Amino acid sequence: MVEEVQMTLEEAIEYVRNNVKVRDILEISYNRIFAPGEVLGITEEDEVTGEGLRVGLQLTGEILNQSIEVDFNEIGEDLIEMRHIHDDKELIIEVL
């Protein structure tokens, strides 16, 4: 079952914080980058360093297969869409 919703950046970050779990699939589209992968971990914001909510991903792909960490403070203005896949449910979030 695929569901599509529209959210503000703040709502999308809150959704990730509350609903995305380790081992889920999260596909993030921002700027001209598409980063699909399995969630390795989620790190809360750090007020001391100014880092935002960070998600570690093990990228999936034929050519590129590495782990990265995405900071939502850094990509926030360029975030276009996210796809969250968990337990045969798929949610597509279009960021307004």
Protein backbone atom coordinates (compact mmCIF):
# COMPACT_ATOMS: atom_id res chain seq x y z
CA MET A 1 0.00 0.00 0.00
CA VAL A 2 1.43 3.35 -1.08
CA GLU A 3 0.30 6.59 0.53
CA GLU A 4 1.33 10.08 -0.57
CA VAL A 5 1.28 13.12 1.72
CA GLN A 6 2.57 16.69 1.69
CA MET A 7 4.40 18.09 4.70
CA THR A 8 6.40 21.14 5.65
CA LEU A 9 10.08 20.61 6.39
CA GLU A 10 9.41 20.72 10.13
CA GLU A 11 6.62 18.13 9.84
CA ALA A 12 8.83 15.86 7.71
CA ILE A 13 11.67 16.02 10.26
CA GLU A 14 9.21 15.29 13.05
CA TYR A 15 7.89 12.33 11.04
CA VAL A 16 11.42 10.93 10.68
CA ARG A 17 12.09 11.44 14.39
CA ASN A 18 8.91 9.62 15.46
CA ASN A 19 8.35 6.97 12.78
CA VAL A 20 11.58 5.92 11.06
CA LYS A 21 13.38 3.04 12.75
CA VAL A 22 16.65 1.19 12.25
CA ARG A 23 16.41 -1.30 9.33
CA ASP A 24 13.63 0.69 7.59
CA ILE A 25 14.21 1.79 4.00
CA LEU A 26 14.42 5.56 3.54
CA GLU A 27 14.89 7.18 0.15
CA ILE A 28 15.79 10.87 0.31
CA SER A 29 15.70 13.23 -2.68
CA TYR A 30 17.35 16.60 -2.19
CA ASN A 31 18.90 19.09 -4.58
CA ARG A 32 20.08 16.77 -7.39
CA ILE A 33 20.87 13.86 -5.09
CA PHE A 34 18.91 10.65 -4.62
CA ALA A 35 20.03 8.66 -1.57
CA PRO A 36 18.18 5.36 -1.10
CA GLY A 37 19.22 3.07 1.72
CA GLU A 38 18.61 1.09 4.85
CA VAL A 39 18.54 3.12 8.07
CA LEU A 40 21.55 2.30 10.27
CA GLY A 41 20.80 4.79 13.02
CA ILE A 42 19.19 8.08 13.98
CA THR A 43 21.00 10.76 15.97
CA GLU A 44 19.03 13.54 17.66
CA GLU A 45 19.89 17.20 17.25
CA ASP A 46 22.94 18.58 19.05
CA GLU A 47 22.47 22.17 20.22
CA VAL A 48 26.15 22.52 21.15
CA THR A 49 27.47 21.74 17.66
CA GLY A 50 24.40 22.99 15.78
CA GLU A 51 23.90 19.67 14.00
CA GLY A 52 20.36 18.72 13.14
CA LEU A 53 18.59 15.39 13.17
CA ARG A 54 20.96 12.95 11.44
CA VAL A 55 20.10 9.66 9.78
CA GLY A 56 22.77 7.08 8.95
CA LEU A 57 22.04 5.15 5.74
CA GLN A 58 23.62 2.12 4.11
CA LEU A 59 23.17 3.16 0.49
CA THR A 60 21.79 0.62 -1.95
CA GLY A 61 22.81 0.59 -5.56
CA GLU A 62 24.74 -1.29 -8.20
CA ILE A 63 27.64 1.13 -8.36
CA LEU A 64 27.55 2.93 -5.03
CA ASN A 65 27.13 0.92 -1.83
CA GLN A 66 28.46 2.82 1.17
CA SER A 67 27.21 4.30 4.40
CA ILE A 68 26.50 8.01 4.78
CA GLU A 69 25.02 10.32 7.40
CA VAL A 70 22.43 12.89 6.30
CA ASP A 71 21.98 16.01 8.46
CA PHE A 72 18.51 17.47 7.94
CA ASN A 73 19.75 20.95 8.99
CA GLU A 74 22.19 20.90 6.08
CA ILE A 75 19.83 19.56 3.42
CA GLY A 76 16.59 21.13 4.70
CA GLU A 77 16.28 23.87 2.10
CA ASP A 78 16.94 21.42 -0.74
CA LEU A 79 14.79 18.52 0.53
CA ILE A 80 12.27 17.56 -2.15
CA GLU A 81 10.85 14.18 -1.25
CA MET A 82 11.27 11.18 1.04
CA ARG A 83 9.99 7.64 0.68
CA HIS A 84 9.68 5.56 3.87
CA ILE A 85 9.21 1.81 3.51
CA HIS A 86 8.39 -0.26 6.59
CA ASP A 87 6.46 -3.55 7.00
CA ASP A 88 5.03 -3.55 3.45
CA LYS A 89 3.80 0.03 3.92
CA GLU A 90 5.16 2.81 1.77
CA LEU A 91 4.76 6.52 2.50
CA ILE A 92 5.88 9.17 0.03
CA ILE A 93 6.39 12.57 1.63
CA GLU A 94 6.50 15.58 -0.66
CA VAL A 95 8.17 18.47 1.18
CA LEU A 96 6.50 21.82 0.64
